[in-house]
């Protein structure tokens, strides 16, 4: 998949695609339906399949001090789009200039003259332009004037069920499996392993520490997870702790993953962690011995869950049983 960052003056060979348009945070089943609508148009028109999205998310731009909320940060979103077979990812910078651009100018300057789109697909709740005055009806009218058609994709599933906001709520409540059903894949935390204080190693559970950055904070607690190390094929079972480590009077949220039956060095390596199931909430233990006993119980429960066919790694792949 090719990433194109110039929307008004893209390379000539990056113009003329059928484009799915939206923020696509999470790239959930509803987003995938919009992308599939663009895919149908691309095949019919014999043009590339594109996705037009924006960074940072508009919510981050307008509310920079708001708590982290991203389901899929930029890199994770790009990987999801590539896995869906998107040819061109148009990534526009959401800044003050774009926020003040009227809907009509966005269609004329970006979609028509800039990208030369042949077709556009959006969800029925899509809003765009200064003061959010643009909607699918207006986009259709402006598109007809500019020479491209628009597909408006209706709600997937129950009206409030397949939405990024619903995924955020489920993850905040500690229900990752229900969130994964909406996403059409496991929710993932990815990043480069950072050095910690080695406290987990001293407890017999060495951990790989990842920064959550602008990702939302799921419910604090312990989770059953699967981990991929860089591009290595095997997924490794494990447990992850998300929280502030109250037993040690911590105050900064951390994501720490322990891989079962693994003894290698993970520092500075890229990990991708599939968050599979919530085991228990974060707790403050009376002493280290009590914490270690709880960690042993967590590990045993996680092993059992990850061996259950209902939690198979390929549960959400097309054709999986």
C-alpha atoms as a PDB file:
ATOM      1  CA  UNK A   1       0.000   0.000   0.000  1.00  0.00           C
ATOM      2  CA  UNK A   2       1.262   3.432  -0.924  1.00  0.00           C
ATOM      3  CA  UNK A   3       0.905   6.388   1.463  1.00  0.00           C
ATOM      4  CA  UNK A   4       0.224   9.782  -0.134  1.00  0.00           C
ATOM      5  CA  UNK A   5       0.390  12.867   2.090  1.00  0.00           C
ATOM      6  CA  UNK A   6      -0.140  15.661  -0.429  1.00  0.00           C
ATOM      7  CA  UNK A   7      -3.856  15.977  -1.118  1.00  0.00           C
ATOM      8  CA  UNK A   8      -3.988  19.058  -3.319  1.00  0.00           C
ATOM      9  CA  UNK A   9      -0.882  18.223  -5.371  1.00  0.00           C
ATOM     10  CA  UNK A  10      -0.404  14.455  -5.244  1.00  0.00           C
ATOM     11  CA  UNK A  11       1.797  12.559  -7.713  1.00  0.00           C
ATOM     12  CA  UNK A  12       0.046  12.154 -11.046  1.00  0.00           C
ATOM     13  CA  UNK A  13      -0.025   8.369 -10.733  1.00  0.00           C
ATOM     14  CA  UNK A  14      -1.761   8.628  -7.336  1.00  0.00           C
ATOM     15  CA  UNK A  15      -4.839  10.389  -8.740  1.00  0.00           C
ATOM     16  CA  UNK A  16      -8.072   8.932 -10.023  1.00  0.00           C
ATOM     17  CA  UNK A  17      -8.923   6.349  -7.357  1.00  0.00           C
ATOM     18  CA  UNK A  18     -12.231   5.238  -5.897  1.00  0.00           C
ATOM     19  CA  UNK A  19     -11.947   6.517  -2.340  1.00  0.00           C
ATOM     20  CA  UNK A  20     -13.427   5.622   1.041  1.00  0.00           C
ATOM     21  CA  UNK A  21     -13.523   8.765   3.161  1.00  0.00           C
ATOM     22  CA  UNK A  22     -13.460   9.032   6.960  1.00  0.00           C
ATOM     23  CA  UNK A  23     -11.412   8.982  10.162  1.00  0.00           C
ATOM     24  CA  UNK A  24     -11.583   5.177  10.408  1.00  0.00           C
ATOM     25  CA  UNK A  25     -10.400   4.993  14.029  1.00  0.00           C
ATOM     26  CA  UNK A  26     -10.420   1.273  14.742  1.00  0.00           C
ATOM     27  CA  UNK A  27     -11.138   0.305  11.114  1.00  0.00           C
ATOM     28  CA  UNK A  28     -14.150  -1.605  12.453  1.00  0.00           C
ATOM     29  CA  UNK A  29     -16.784  -3.552  10.507  1.00  0.00           C
ATOM     30  CA  UNK A  30     -18.705  -0.396   9.664  1.00  0.00           C
ATOM     31  CA  UNK A  31     -15.566   1.220   8.265  1.00  0.00           C
ATOM     32  CA  UNK A  32     -14.825  -1.967   6.359  1.00  0.00           C
ATOM     33  CA  UNK A  33     -18.273  -1.783   4.757  1.00  0.00           C
ATOM     34  CA  UNK A  34     -17.444   1.720   3.488  1.00  0.00           C
ATOM     35  CA  UNK A  35     -14.101   0.495   2.155  1.00  0.00           C
ATOM     36  CA  UNK A  36     -15.847  -2.447   0.481  1.00  0.00           C
ATOM     37  CA  UNK A  37     -18.249  -0.043  -1.243  1.00  0.00           C
ATOM     38  CA  UNK A  38     -15.261   1.862  -2.610  1.00  0.00           C
ATOM     39  CA  UNK A  39     -13.710  -1.467  -3.609  1.00  0.00           C
ATOM     40  CA  UNK A  40     -16.773  -2.349  -5.701  1.00  0.00           C
ATOM     41  CA  UNK A  41     -16.594   1.019  -7.448  1.00  0.00           C
ATOM     42  CA  UNK A  42     -12.846   0.649  -8.015  1.00  0.00           C
ATOM     43  CA  UNK A  43     -13.328  -2.732  -9.672  1.00  0.00           C
ATOM     44  CA  UNK A  44     -16.127  -1.421 -11.871  1.00  0.00           C
ATOM     45  CA  UNK A  45     -14.145   1.647 -12.919  1.00  0.00           C
ATOM     46  CA  UNK A  46     -10.857  -0.285 -13.124  1.00  0.00           C
ATOM     47  CA  UNK A  47      -9.077   2.206 -10.874  1.00  0.00           C
ATOM     48  CA  UNK A  48      -7.095   1.861  -7.609  1.00  0.00           C
ATOM     49  CA  UNK A  49      -8.812   1.546  -4.237  1.00  0.00           C
ATOM     50  CA  UNK A  50      -7.996   4.465  -1.952  1.00  0.00           C
ATOM     51  CA  UNK A  51      -8.791   5.551   1.586  1.00  0.00           C
ATOM     52  CA  UNK A  52      -8.690   9.217   2.594  1.00  0.00           C
ATOM     53  CA  UNK A  53      -8.156   9.828   6.289  1.00  0.00           C
ATOM     54  CA  UNK A  54      -6.667  12.539   8.469  1.00  0.00           C
ATOM     55  CA  UNK A  55      -3.990  12.889  11.146  1.00  0.00           C
ATOM     56  CA  UNK A  56      -4.246  13.897  13.844  1.00  0.00           C
ATOM     57  CA  UNK A  57      -7.817  12.829  14.478  1.00  0.00           C
ATOM     58  CA  UNK A  58     -10.066  15.902  14.432  1.00  0.00           C
ATOM     59  CA  UNK A  59     -10.956  15.269  18.071  1.00  0.00           C
ATOM     60  CA  UNK A  60      -7.273  15.512  18.999  1.00  0.00           C
ATOM     61  CA  UNK A  61      -6.997  18.787  17.110  1.00  0.00           C
ATOM     62  CA  UNK A  62     -10.004  20.445  18.721  1.00  0.00           C
ATOM     63  CA  UNK A  63      -9.475  18.942  22.199  1.00  0.00           C
ATOM     64  CA  UNK A  64      -5.712  18.468  22.657  1.00  0.00           C
ATOM     65  CA  UNK A  65      -6.031  18.147  26.437  1.00  0.00           C
ATOM     66  CA  UNK A  66      -8.693  15.423  26.299  1.00  0.00           C
ATOM     67  CA  UNK A  67      -7.763  11.950  27.611  1.00  0.00           C
ATOM     68  CA  UNK A  68      -6.245   9.563  25.042  1.00  0.00           C
ATOM     69  CA  UNK A  69      -8.970   7.888  23.006  1.00  0.00           C
ATOM     70  CA  UNK A  70      -7.450   6.396  19.858  1.00  0.00           C
ATOM     71  CA  UNK A  71      -8.368   2.776  19.120  1.00  0.00           C
ATOM     72  CA  UNK A  72      -5.803   2.564  16.346  1.00  0.00           C
ATOM     73  CA  UNK A  73      -2.966   5.092  16.286  1.00  0.00           C
ATOM     74  CA  UNK A  74      -1.673   6.009  12.849  1.00  0.00           C
ATOM     75  CA  UNK A  75       0.712   3.092  12.351  1.00  0.00           C
ATOM     76  CA  UNK A  76      -1.875   0.545  13.474  1.00  0.00           C
ATOM     77  CA  UNK A  77      -4.503   2.090  11.215  1.00  0.00           C
ATOM     78  CA  UNK A  78      -2.192   1.967   8.205  1.00  0.00           C
ATOM     79  CA  UNK A  79      -1.412  -1.698   8.857  1.00  0.00           C
ATOM     80  CA  UNK A  80      -5.129  -2.484   9.071  1.00  0.00           C
ATOM     81  CA  UNK A  81      -5.832  -0.677   5.805  1.00  0.00           C
ATOM     82  CA  UNK A  82      -3.002  -2.487   4.049  1.00  0.00           C
ATOM     83  CA  UNK A  83      -4.331  -5.829   5.299  1.00  0.00           C
ATOM     84  CA  UNK A  84      -7.705  -4.969   3.755  1.00  0.00           C
ATOM     85  CA  UNK A  85      -6.120  -4.599   0.320  1.00  0.00           C
ATOM     86  CA  UNK A  86      -6.178  -0.806   0.045  1.00  0.00           C
ATOM     87  CA  UNK A  87      -3.898   0.458  -2.740  1.00  0.00           C
ATOM     88  CA  UNK A  88      -3.563   4.115  -1.744  1.00  0.00           C
ATOM     89  CA  UNK A  89      -3.784   5.650   1.717  1.00  0.00           C
ATOM     90  CA  UNK A  90      -4.265   9.403   1.386  1.00  0.00           C
ATOM     91  CA  UNK A  91      -3.288  10.970   4.713  1.00  0.00           C
ATOM     92  CA  UNK A  92      -4.261  14.596   5.089  1.00  0.00           C
ATOM     93  CA  UNK A  93      -2.964  16.777   7.894  1.00  0.00           C
ATOM     94  CA  UNK A  94      -5.831  17.992  10.048  1.00  0.00           C
ATOM     95  CA  UNK A  95      -4.819  21.533  10.955  1.00  0.00           C
ATOM     96  CA  UNK A  96      -6.420  24.959  11.326  1.00  0.00           C
ATOM     97  CA  UNK A  97      -6.491  25.524   7.567  1.00  0.00           C
ATOM     98  CA  UNK A  98      -8.367  22.293   6.957  1.00  0.00           C
ATOM     99  CA  UNK A  99     -10.715  22.907   9.884  1.00  0.00           C
ATOM    100  CA  UNK A 100     -11.755  26.228   8.306  1.00  0.00           C
ATOM    101  CA  UNK A 101     -12.227  24.816   4.801  1.00  0.00           C
ATOM    102  CA  UNK A 102     -15.893  24.965   3.743  1.00  0.00           C
ATOM    103  CA  UNK A 103     -17.456  21.737   2.536  1.00  0.00           C
ATOM    104  CA  UNK A 104     -17.677  23.046  -1.031  1.00  0.00           C
ATOM    105  CA  UNK A 105     -13.984  23.976  -1.086  1.00  0.00           C
ATOM    106  CA  UNK A 106     -13.011  20.587   0.335  1.00  0.00           C
ATOM    107  CA  UNK A 107     -14.819  18.827  -2.489  1.00  0.00           C
ATOM    108  CA  UNK A 108     -13.478  21.157  -5.180  1.00  0.00           C
ATOM    109  CA  UNK A 109      -9.880  21.611  -3.979  1.00  0.00           C
ATOM    110  CA  UNK A 110      -9.149  18.226  -2.413  1.00  0.00           C
ATOM    111  CA  UNK A 111     -11.423  15.582  -3.893  1.00  0.00           C
ATOM    112  CA  UNK A 112     -11.906  16.904  -7.426  1.00  0.00           C
ATOM    113  CA  UNK A 113      -8.904  19.015  -8.456  1.00  0.00           C
ATOM    114  CA  UNK A 114      -6.426  17.490  -6.027  1.00  0.00           C
ATOM    115  CA  UNK A 115      -7.044  13.758  -5.919  1.00  0.00           C
ATOM    116  CA  UNK A 116      -9.166  13.574  -9.053  1.00  0.00           C
ATOM    117  CA  UNK A 117     -11.383  10.981  -7.380  1.00  0.00           C
ATOM    118  CA  UNK A 118     -13.539   8.807  -9.612  1.00  0.00           C
ATOM    119  CA  UNK A 119     -15.885   7.697  -6.850  1.00  0.00           C
ATOM    120  CA  UNK A 120     -16.333   8.348  -3.114  1.00  0.00           C
ATOM    121  CA  UNK A 121     -17.842   6.105  -0.430  1.00  0.00           C
ATOM    122  CA  UNK A 122     -18.855   7.368   3.033  1.00  0.00           C
ATOM    123  CA  UNK A 123     -20.937   6.239   5.976  1.00  0.00           C
ATOM    124  CA  UNK A 124     -24.406   7.667   6.456  1.00  0.00           C
ATOM    125  CA  UNK A 125     -23.253   9.687   9.483  1.00  0.00           C
ATOM    126  CA  UNK A 126     -20.277  11.263   7.693  1.00  0.00           C
ATOM    127  CA  UNK A 127     -19.801  14.978   8.444  1.00  0.00           C
ATOM    128  CA  UNK A 128     -17.215  17.277   6.852  1.00  0.00           C
ATOM    129  CA  UNK A 129     -16.274  20.888   6.222  1.00  0.00           C
ATOM    130  CA  UNK A 130     -16.099  24.005   8.378  1.00  0.00           C
ATOM    131  CA  UNK A 131     -18.635  23.939  11.209  1.00  0.00           C
ATOM    132  CA  UNK A 132     -19.482  20.343  10.187  1.00  0.00           C
ATOM    133  CA  UNK A 133     -21.987  21.635   7.637  1.00  0.00           C
ATOM    134  CA  UNK A 134     -21.236  18.971   5.031  1.00  0.00           C
ATOM    135  CA  UNK A 135     -23.172  15.700   5.022  1.00  0.00           C
ATOM    136  CA  UNK A 136     -23.708  12.798   2.579  1.00  0.00           C
ATOM    137  CA  UNK A 137     -26.575  14.573   0.817  1.00  0.00           C
ATOM    138  CA  UNK A 138     -24.439  17.650   0.142  1.00  0.00           C
ATOM    139  CA  UNK A 139     -21.482  15.466  -0.856  1.00  0.00           C
ATOM    140  CA  UNK A 140     -23.642  13.751  -3.470  1.00  0.00           C
ATOM    141  CA  UNK A 141     -24.768  17.083  -4.870  1.00  0.00           C
ATOM    142  CA  UNK A 142     -21.250  18.501  -4.981  1.00  0.00           C
ATOM    143  CA  UNK A 143     -19.861  15.260  -6.363  1.00  0.00           C
ATOM    144  CA  UNK A 144     -22.349  15.256  -9.225  1.00  0.00           C
ATOM    145  CA  UNK A 145     -21.277  18.795 -10.052  1.00  0.00           C
ATOM    146  CA  UNK A 146     -17.577  17.827  -9.890  1.00  0.00           C
ATOM    147  CA  UNK A 147     -17.980  14.657 -11.939  1.00  0.00           C
ATOM    148  CA  UNK A 148     -17.898  11.780  -9.450  1.00  0.00           C
ATOM    149  CA  UNK A 149     -20.544   9.584  -7.849  1.00  0.00           C
ATOM    150  CA  UNK A 150     -20.993   8.946  -4.137  1.00  0.00           C
ATOM    151  CA  UNK A 151     -22.023   5.749  -2.345  1.00  0.00           C
ATOM    152  CA  UNK A 152     -23.534   6.234   1.106  1.00  0.00           C
ATOM    153  CA  UNK A 153     -23.256   3.110   3.248  1.00  0.00           C
ATOM    154  CA  UNK A 154     -25.975   2.492   5.808  1.00  0.00           C
ATOM    155  CA  UNK A 155     -25.577   1.311   9.382  1.00  0.00           C
ATOM    156  CA  UNK A 156     -23.955  -2.075   9.889  1.00  0.00           C
ATOM    157  CA  UNK A 157     -25.723  -4.068  12.606  1.00  0.00           C
ATOM    158  CA  UNK A 158     -27.742  -2.333  15.322  1.00  0.00           C
ATOM    159  CA  UNK A 159     -27.801   1.443  15.004  1.00  0.00           C
ATOM    160  CA  UNK A 160     -25.496   2.134  17.957  1.00  0.00           C
ATOM    161  CA  UNK A 161     -23.534  -1.132  17.953  1.00  0.00           C
ATOM    162  CA  UNK A 162     -20.915  -0.772  15.221  1.00  0.00           C
ATOM    163  CA  UNK A 163     -19.297   2.531  16.082  1.00  0.00           C
ATOM    164  CA  UNK A 164     -15.876   3.610  17.297  1.00  0.00           C
ATOM    165  CA  UNK A 165     -17.498   5.108  20.398  1.00  0.00           C
ATOM    166  CA  UNK A 166     -18.974   1.708  21.267  1.00  0.00           C
ATOM    167  CA  UNK A 167     -15.564   0.049  20.908  1.00  0.00           C
ATOM    168  CA  UNK A 168     -14.053   2.645  23.242  1.00  0.00           C
ATOM    169  CA  UNK A 169     -16.764   2.005  25.824  1.00  0.00           C
ATOM    170  CA  UNK A 170     -16.264  -1.758  25.696  1.00  0.00           C
ATOM    171  CA  UNK A 171     -12.499  -1.477  26.086  1.00  0.00           C
ATOM    172  CA  UNK A 172     -12.902   0.991  28.947  1.00  0.00           C
ATOM    173  CA  UNK A 173     -15.277  -1.497  30.599  1.00  0.00           C
ATOM    174  CA  UNK A 174     -12.845  -4.403  30.178  1.00  0.00           C
ATOM    175  CA  UNK A 175     -14.770  -6.339  27.517  1.00  0.00           C
ATOM    176  CA  UNK A 176     -12.170  -6.835  24.763  1.00  0.00           C
ATOM    177  CA  UNK A 177     -13.912  -9.784  23.112  1.00  0.00           C
ATOM    178  CA  UNK A 178     -17.072  -7.750  22.472  1.00  0.00           C
ATOM    179  CA  UNK A 179     -14.898  -4.926  21.149  1.00  0.00           C
ATOM    180  CA  UNK A 180     -13.140  -7.394  18.845  1.00  0.00           C
ATOM    181  CA  UNK A 181     -16.494  -8.539  17.448  1.00  0.00           C
ATOM    182  CA  UNK A 182     -17.110  -4.965  16.291  1.00  0.00           C
ATOM    183  CA  UNK A 183     -13.561  -4.455  15.063  1.00  0.00           C
ATOM    184  CA  UNK A 184     -13.572  -7.731  13.171  1.00  0.00           C
ATOM    185  CA  UNK A 185     -10.201  -8.505  14.749  1.00  0.00           C
ATOM    186  CA  UNK A 186      -8.498  -8.469  18.118  1.00  0.00           C
ATOM    187  CA  UNK A 187      -7.734  -5.059  19.572  1.00  0.00           C
ATOM    188  CA  UNK A 188      -3.970  -4.576  19.479  1.00  0.00           C
ATOM    189  CA  UNK A 189      -1.356  -2.607  21.353  1.00  0.00           C
ATOM    190  CA  UNK A 190       1.886  -2.226  19.417  1.00  0.00           C
ATOM    191  CA  UNK A 191       5.169  -0.518  20.054  1.00  0.00           C
ATOM    192  CA  UNK A 192       8.863  -0.767  20.764  1.00  0.00           C
ATOM    193  CA  UNK A 193       9.849  -2.391  24.051  1.00  0.00           C
ATOM    194  CA  UNK A 194      11.245   0.131  26.532  1.00  0.00           C
ATOM    195  CA  UNK A 195      13.449  -0.529  29.524  1.00  0.00           C
ATOM    196  CA  UNK A 196      11.636  -0.649  32.848  1.00  0.00           C
ATOM    197  CA  UNK A 197      12.769  -1.184  36.424  1.00  0.00           C
ATOM    198  CA  UNK A 198      12.990  -5.012  36.046  1.00  0.00           C
ATOM    199  CA  UNK A 199      10.568  -5.498  38.959  1.00  0.00           C
ATOM    200  CA  UNK A 200       8.627  -8.132  37.004  1.00  0.00           C
ATOM    201  CA  UNK A 201      11.810 -10.102  36.389  1.00  0.00           C
ATOM    202  CA  UNK A 202      12.525 -10.179  40.115  1.00  0.00           C
ATOM    203  CA  UNK A 203       9.010 -11.533  40.664  1.00  0.00           C
ATOM    204  CA  UNK A 204       9.581 -14.322  38.152  1.00  0.00           C
ATOM    205  CA  UNK A 205       7.506 -12.631  35.444  1.00  0.00           C
ATOM    206  CA  UNK A 206       9.772 -10.534  33.197  1.00  0.00           C
ATOM    207  CA  UNK A 207       7.727  -8.054  31.204  1.00  0.00           C
ATOM    208  CA  UNK A 208       8.022  -6.099  27.982  1.00  0.00           C
ATOM    209  CA  UNK A 209       7.013  -2.483  28.597  1.00  0.00           C
ATOM    210  CA  UNK A 210       5.122  -0.606  25.889  1.00  0.00           C
ATOM    211  CA  UNK A 211       4.010   3.007  25.791  1.00  0.00           C
ATOM    212  CA  UNK A 212       0.317   3.572  25.150  1.00  0.00           C
ATOM    213  CA  UNK A 213       0.900   7.053  23.723  1.00  0.00           C
ATOM    214  CA  UNK A 214      -2.358   8.444  22.352  1.00  0.00           C
ATOM    215  CA  UNK A 215      -4.164   5.097  22.568  1.00  0.00           C
ATOM    216  CA  UNK A 216      -7.136   4.906  24.875  1.00  0.00           C
ATOM    217  CA  UNK A 217      -6.548   3.351  28.285  1.00  0.00           C
ATOM    218  CA  UNK A 218      -8.515   0.127  28.589  1.00  0.00           C
ATOM    219  CA  UNK A 219      -9.872  -0.895  31.967  1.00  0.00           C
ATOM    220  CA  UNK A 220      -6.933  -1.212  34.334  1.00  0.00           C
ATOM    221  CA  UNK A 221      -6.217  -4.817  35.191  1.00  0.00           C
ATOM    222  CA  UNK A 222      -4.749  -8.049  33.867  1.00  0.00           C
ATOM    223  CA  UNK A 223      -5.491  -9.548  30.447  1.00  0.00           C
ATOM    224  CA  UNK A 224      -4.834 -12.756  28.534  1.00  0.00           C
ATOM    225  CA  UNK A 225      -2.893 -11.766  25.409  1.00  0.00           C
ATOM    226  CA  UNK A 226      -1.065 -13.088  22.378  1.00  0.00           C
ATOM    227  CA  UNK A 227       2.142 -11.436  21.248  1.00  0.00           C
ATOM    228  CA  UNK A 228       3.919 -11.265  17.916  1.00  0.00           C
ATOM    229  CA  UNK A 229       7.587 -10.247  18.026  1.00  0.00           C
ATOM    230  CA  UNK A 230       8.329  -8.017  15.035  1.00  0.00           C
ATOM    231  CA  UNK A 231       7.575 -10.053  11.903  1.00  0.00           C
ATOM    232  CA  UNK A 232       8.140 -13.481  13.412  1.00  0.00           C
ATOM    233  CA  UNK A 233       5.450 -15.997  12.540  1.00  0.00           C
ATOM    234  CA  UNK A 234       4.501 -17.544  15.898  1.00  0.00           C
ATOM    235  CA  UNK A 235       2.038 -15.820  18.186  1.00  0.00           C
ATOM    236  CA  UNK A 236       3.149 -16.277  21.780  1.00  0.00           C
ATOM    237  CA  UNK A 237       0.673 -16.628  24.638  1.00  0.00           C
ATOM    238  CA  UNK A 238       1.020 -14.398  27.651  1.00  0.00           C
ATOM    239  CA  UNK A 239      -0.527 -12.017  30.142  1.00  0.00           C
ATOM    240  CA  UNK A 240      -0.469  -8.235  30.217  1.00  0.00           C
ATOM    241  CA  UNK A 241      -0.977  -5.771  33.020  1.00  0.00           C
ATOM    242  CA  UNK A 242      -2.410  -2.328  32.355  1.00  0.00           C
ATOM    243  CA  UNK A 243      -2.397   0.219  35.136  1.00  0.00           C
ATOM    244  CA  UNK A 244      -0.361   2.189  37.631  1.00  0.00           C
ATOM    245  CA  UNK A 245       0.936  -0.721  39.796  1.00  0.00           C
ATOM    246  CA  UNK A 246      -0.688   0.391  43.083  1.00  0.00           C
ATOM    247  CA  UNK A 247       1.186  -2.250  45.099  1.00  0.00           C
ATOM    248  CA  UNK A 248       4.318  -0.219  44.389  1.00  0.00           C
ATOM    249  CA  UNK A 249       2.584   3.180  44.688  1.00  0.00           C
ATOM    250  CA  UNK A 250       2.881   3.921  40.979  1.00  0.00           C
ATOM    251  CA  UNK A 251       0.974   6.767  39.359  1.00  0.00           C
ATOM    252  CA  UNK A 252       1.723   6.500  35.610  1.00  0.00           C
ATOM    253  CA  UNK A 253      -0.236   4.057  33.402  1.00  0.00           C
ATOM    254  CA  UNK A 254       1.921   1.258  32.019  1.00  0.00           C
ATOM    255  CA  UNK A 255       1.309  -1.612  29.609  1.00  0.00           C
ATOM    256  CA  UNK A 256       3.464  -4.586  30.581  1.00  0.00           C
ATOM    257  CA  UNK A 257       3.312  -7.916  28.735  1.00  0.00           C
ATOM    258  CA  UNK A 258       4.770 -11.217  29.945  1.00  0.00           C
ATOM    259  CA  UNK A 259       5.319 -13.944  27.351  1.00  0.00           C
ATOM    260  CA  UNK A 260       4.963 -17.537  28.500  1.00  0.00           C
ATOM    261  CA  UNK A 261       7.891 -19.888  27.895  1.00  0.00           C
ATOM    262  CA  UNK A 262      10.118 -17.169  26.463  1.00  0.00           C
ATOM    263  CA  UNK A 263      13.585 -16.206  27.651  1.00  0.00           C
ATOM    264  CA  UNK A 264      14.974 -13.957  24.891  1.00  0.00           C
ATOM    265  CA  UNK A 265      15.851 -10.270  24.980  1.00  0.00           C
ATOM    266  CA  UNK A 266      13.001  -8.038  23.803  1.00  0.00           C
ATOM    267  CA  UNK A 267      14.480  -4.594  24.444  1.00  0.00           C
ATOM    268  CA  UNK A 268      14.113  -2.249  21.457  1.00  0.00           C
ATOM    269  CA  UNK A 269      12.113  -4.831  19.516  1.00  0.00           C
ATOM    270  CA  UNK A 270       8.688  -4.165  18.007  1.00  0.00           C
ATOM    271  CA  UNK A 271       5.818  -6.077  19.613  1.00  0.00           C
ATOM    272  CA  UNK A 272       2.206  -6.418  18.560  1.00  0.00           C
ATOM    273  CA  UNK A 273      -0.050  -7.537  21.415  1.00  0.00           C
ATOM    274  CA  UNK A 274      -3.538  -8.941  20.786  1.00  0.00           C
ATOM    275  CA  UNK A 275      -5.683  -8.193  23.841  1.00  0.00           C
ATOM    276  CA  UNK A 276      -7.905 -11.261  24.166  1.00  0.00           C
ATOM    277  CA  UNK A 277      -9.707 -11.383  27.521  1.00  0.00           C
ATOM    278  CA  UNK A 278      -9.960  -9.512  30.811  1.00  0.00           C
ATOM    279  CA  UNK A 279      -8.847 -11.571  33.817  1.00  0.00           C
ATOM    280  CA  UNK A 280      -9.216  -9.300  36.840  1.00  0.00           C
ATOM    281  CA  UNK A 281      -9.134  -5.629  37.835  1.00  0.00           C
ATOM    282  CA  UNK A 282      -5.988  -3.926  39.073  1.00  0.00           C
ATOM    283  CA  UNK A 283      -5.486  -4.495  42.796  1.00  0.00           C
ATOM    284  CA  UNK A 284      -3.210  -3.303  45.565  1.00  0.00           C
ATOM    285  CA  UNK A 285      -1.733  -6.281  47.383  1.00  0.00           C
ATOM    286  CA  UNK A 286      -0.567  -6.381  50.983  1.00  0.00           C
ATOM    287  CA  UNK A 287       2.865  -7.653  50.038  1.00  0.00           C
ATOM    288  CA  UNK A 288       4.945  -9.013  47.174  1.00  0.00           C
ATOM    289  CA  UNK A 289       4.147 -12.625  48.099  1.00  0.00           C
ATOM    290  CA  UNK A 290       0.420 -11.991  47.668  1.00  0.00           C
ATOM    291  CA  UNK A 291       1.084 -10.293  44.342  1.00  0.00           C
ATOM    292  CA  UNK A 292       3.148 -13.253  43.144  1.00  0.00           C
ATOM    293  CA  UNK A 293       0.366 -15.701  44.079  1.00  0.00           C
ATOM    294  CA  UNK A 294      -2.117 -13.605  42.100  1.00  0.00           C
ATOM    295  CA  UNK A 295       0.244 -13.536  39.129  1.00  0.00           C
ATOM    296  CA  UNK A 296       0.501 -17.329  39.218  1.00  0.00           C
ATOM    297  CA  UNK A 297      -3.301 -17.549  39.160  1.00  0.00           C
ATOM    298  CA  UNK A 298      -3.470 -15.010  36.323  1.00  0.00           C
ATOM    299  CA  UNK A 299      -1.011 -17.028  34.259  1.00  0.00           C
ATOM    300  CA  UNK A 300      -2.933 -20.270  34.788  1.00  0.00           C
ATOM    301  CA  UNK A 301      -6.232 -18.650  33.788  1.00  0.00           C
ATOM    302  CA  UNK A 302      -4.671 -16.997  30.749  1.00  0.00           C
ATOM    303  CA  UNK A 303      -3.194 -20.288  29.530  1.00  0.00           C
ATOM    304  CA  UNK A 304      -6.606 -21.953  29.806  1.00  0.00           C
ATOM    305  CA  UNK A 305      -8.395 -19.139  27.979  1.00  0.00           C
ATOM    306  CA  UNK A 306      -5.853 -18.950  25.174  1.00  0.00           C
ATOM    307  CA  UNK A 307      -6.124 -22.722  24.645  1.00  0.00           C
ATOM    308  CA  UNK A 308      -9.917 -22.449  24.257  1.00  0.00           C
ATOM    309  CA  UNK A 309     -11.035 -22.686  20.587  1.00  0.00           C
ATOM    310  CA  UNK A 310     -13.501 -19.841  21.229  1.00  0.00           C
ATOM    311  CA  UNK A 311     -10.460 -17.579  21.599  1.00  0.00           C
ATOM    312  CA  UNK A 312      -8.539 -18.913  18.595  1.00  0.00           C
ATOM    313  CA  UNK A 313      -6.163 -16.414  16.957  1.00  0.00           C
ATOM    314  CA  UNK A 314      -8.016 -16.688  13.641  1.00  0.00           C
ATOM    315  CA  UNK A 315     -11.494 -16.323  15.137  1.00  0.00           C
ATOM    316  CA  UNK A 316     -12.263 -13.243  13.054  1.00  0.00           C
ATOM    317  CA  UNK A 317     -10.758 -14.341   9.753  1.00  0.00           C
ATOM    318  CA  UNK A 318     -13.133 -15.057   6.884  1.00  0.00           C
ATOM    319  CA  UNK A 319     -13.989 -18.737   6.827  1.00  0.00           C
ATOM    320  CA  UNK A 320     -12.794 -19.431  10.372  1.00  0.00           C
ATOM    321  CA  UNK A 321     -14.972 -21.855  12.279  1.00  0.00           C
END
